[in-house]
N, C-alpha and C. Protein backbone atom coordinates (compact mmCIF):
# COMPACT_ATOMS: atom_id res chain seq x y z
N UNK A 1 0.82 -1.20 0.00
CA UNK A 1 0.00 0.00 0.00
C UNK A 1 0.86 1.26 0.00
N UNK A 2 2.06 1.15 0.54
CA UNK A 2 2.94 2.32 0.50
C UNK A 2 3.38 2.64 -0.92
N UNK A 3 3.72 1.59 -1.68
CA UNK A 3 4.21 1.80 -3.04
C UNK A 3 3.07 2.06 -4.03
N UNK A 4 1.88 1.49 -3.76
CA UNK A 4 0.74 1.61 -4.66
C UNK A 4 -0.51 1.98 -3.84
N UNK A 5 -0.62 3.23 -3.40
CA UNK A 5 -1.73 3.61 -2.53
C UNK A 5 -3.10 3.53 -3.20
N UNK A 6 -3.15 3.45 -4.52
CA UNK A 6 -4.43 3.39 -5.22
C UNK A 6 -4.92 1.95 -5.40
N UNK A 7 -4.20 0.97 -4.85
CA UNK A 7 -4.56 -0.44 -5.02
C UNK A 7 -5.96 -0.71 -4.44
N UNK A 8 -6.67 -1.61 -5.07
CA UNK A 8 -8.03 -1.94 -4.63
C UNK A 8 -8.04 -3.27 -3.87
N UNK A 9 -9.11 -3.49 -3.13
CA UNK A 9 -9.26 -4.74 -2.40
C UNK A 9 -9.26 -5.94 -3.34
N UNK A 10 -9.98 -5.90 -4.46
CA UNK A 10 -9.92 -7.05 -5.38
C UNK A 10 -8.50 -7.32 -5.90
N UNK A 11 -7.72 -6.27 -6.14
CA UNK A 11 -6.35 -6.45 -6.61
C UNK A 11 -5.48 -7.10 -5.53
N UNK A 12 -5.65 -6.67 -4.29
CA UNK A 12 -4.91 -7.27 -3.18
C UNK A 12 -5.29 -8.73 -3.03
N UNK A 13 -6.59 -9.02 -3.06
CA UNK A 13 -7.07 -10.39 -2.92
C UNK A 13 -6.50 -11.28 -4.01
N UNK A 14 -6.46 -10.79 -5.22
CA UNK A 14 -5.93 -11.56 -6.35
C UNK A 14 -4.43 -11.84 -6.16
N UNK A 15 -3.67 -10.82 -5.76
CA UNK A 15 -2.23 -11.00 -5.58
C UNK A 15 -1.90 -11.96 -4.45
N UNK A 16 -2.73 -11.97 -3.40
CA UNK A 16 -2.46 -12.81 -2.24
C UNK A 16 -3.22 -14.14 -2.27
N UNK A 17 -3.99 -14.36 -3.32
CA UNK A 17 -4.81 -15.57 -3.46
C UNK A 17 -5.71 -15.78 -2.25
N UNK A 18 -6.37 -14.71 -1.84
CA UNK A 18 -7.31 -14.73 -0.73
C UNK A 18 -8.64 -14.16 -1.23
N UNK A 19 -9.69 -14.36 -0.43
CA UNK A 19 -10.99 -13.81 -0.81
C UNK A 19 -11.01 -12.32 -0.51
N UNK A 20 -11.87 -11.62 -1.21
CA UNK A 20 -12.02 -10.19 -0.97
C UNK A 20 -12.50 -9.94 0.46
N UNK A 21 -13.36 -10.81 0.96
CA UNK A 21 -13.86 -10.66 2.33
C UNK A 21 -12.74 -10.78 3.34
N UNK A 22 -11.81 -11.71 3.13
CA UNK A 22 -10.68 -11.87 4.04
C UNK A 22 -9.83 -10.60 4.06
N UNK A 23 -9.63 -10.00 2.90
CA UNK A 23 -8.85 -8.76 2.81
C UNK A 23 -9.60 -7.63 3.50
N UNK A 24 -10.90 -7.53 3.30
CA UNK A 24 -11.71 -6.49 3.95
C UNK A 24 -11.59 -6.60 5.47
N UNK A 25 -11.65 -7.81 6.01
CA UNK A 25 -11.54 -8.00 7.46
C UNK A 25 -10.19 -7.53 7.98
N UNK A 26 -9.13 -7.87 7.26
CA UNK A 26 -7.79 -7.45 7.68
C UNK A 26 -7.60 -5.94 7.56
N UNK A 27 -8.13 -5.35 6.50
CA UNK A 27 -8.03 -3.90 6.34
C UNK A 27 -8.80 -3.19 7.45
N UNK A 28 -9.97 -3.71 7.79
CA UNK A 28 -10.74 -3.10 8.88
C UNK A 28 -9.98 -3.19 10.20
N UNK A 29 -9.30 -4.30 10.44
CA UNK A 29 -8.51 -4.45 11.66
C UNK A 29 -7.37 -3.43 11.67
N UNK A 30 -6.69 -3.26 10.53
CA UNK A 30 -5.60 -2.30 10.44
C UNK A 30 -6.11 -0.87 10.60
N UNK A 31 -7.29 -0.57 10.07
CA UNK A 31 -7.86 0.77 10.24
C UNK A 31 -8.21 1.02 11.70
N UNK A 32 -8.77 0.01 12.39
CA UNK A 32 -9.11 0.14 13.81
C UNK A 32 -7.87 0.38 14.66
N UNK A 33 -6.75 -0.23 14.28
CA UNK A 33 -5.50 -0.08 15.01
C UNK A 33 -4.71 1.15 14.55
N UNK A 34 -5.29 1.95 13.65
CA UNK A 34 -4.68 3.18 13.12
C UNK A 34 -3.34 2.92 12.45
N UNK A 35 -3.23 1.81 11.74
CA UNK A 35 -2.04 1.49 10.98
C UNK A 35 -2.16 2.05 9.57
N UNK A 36 -3.38 1.98 9.02
CA UNK A 36 -3.64 2.53 7.68
C UNK A 36 -4.90 3.39 7.74
N UNK A 37 -5.07 4.21 6.75
CA UNK A 37 -6.27 5.03 6.65
C UNK A 37 -6.62 5.25 5.19
N UNK A 38 -7.84 5.63 4.97
CA UNK A 38 -8.31 5.89 3.61
C UNK A 38 -8.41 7.40 3.43
N UNK A 39 -7.83 7.92 2.37
CA UNK A 39 -7.89 9.34 2.05
C UNK A 39 -8.80 9.49 0.84
N UNK A 40 -9.85 10.25 1.00
CA UNK A 40 -10.78 10.45 -0.10
C UNK A 40 -11.88 9.41 -0.11
N UNK A 41 -12.70 9.45 -1.15
CA UNK A 41 -13.84 8.54 -1.23
C UNK A 41 -13.43 7.12 -1.60
N UNK A 42 -14.37 6.20 -1.47
CA UNK A 42 -14.11 4.80 -1.81
C UNK A 42 -13.70 4.67 -3.27
N UNK A 43 -14.33 5.43 -4.13
CA UNK A 43 -13.95 5.43 -5.55
C UNK A 43 -13.12 6.68 -5.81
N UNK A 44 -11.87 6.49 -6.14
CA UNK A 44 -11.00 7.61 -6.46
C UNK A 44 -10.08 8.02 -5.34
N UNK A 45 -10.24 7.45 -4.16
CA UNK A 45 -9.36 7.76 -3.04
C UNK A 45 -8.12 6.88 -3.07
N UNK A 46 -7.34 6.96 -1.97
CA UNK A 46 -6.16 6.11 -1.88
C UNK A 46 -5.87 5.79 -0.43
N UNK A 47 -5.02 4.79 -0.20
CA UNK A 47 -4.64 4.35 1.13
C UNK A 47 -3.44 5.13 1.61
N UNK A 48 -3.38 5.34 2.93
CA UNK A 48 -2.21 5.99 3.51
C UNK A 48 -1.76 5.15 4.71
N UNK A 49 -0.48 4.79 4.73
CA UNK A 49 0.08 4.05 5.84
C UNK A 49 0.43 5.07 6.93
N UNK A 50 -0.15 4.91 8.11
CA UNK A 50 0.01 5.88 9.18
C UNK A 50 1.21 5.57 10.09
N UNK A 51 1.62 4.33 10.15
CA UNK A 51 2.76 3.96 11.01
C UNK A 51 3.97 3.64 10.17
């Protein structure tokens, strides 16, 4: 996410051979722990690594 902040959940799931739901759960955990954040809207925004 640091190198490609515009990456989407389906792209991550495909690269890691995991389900989109599994990626969503992990992203939500990271957001709750303030490790990552979303800048902008769901469509057209990007990820920011906070730590």
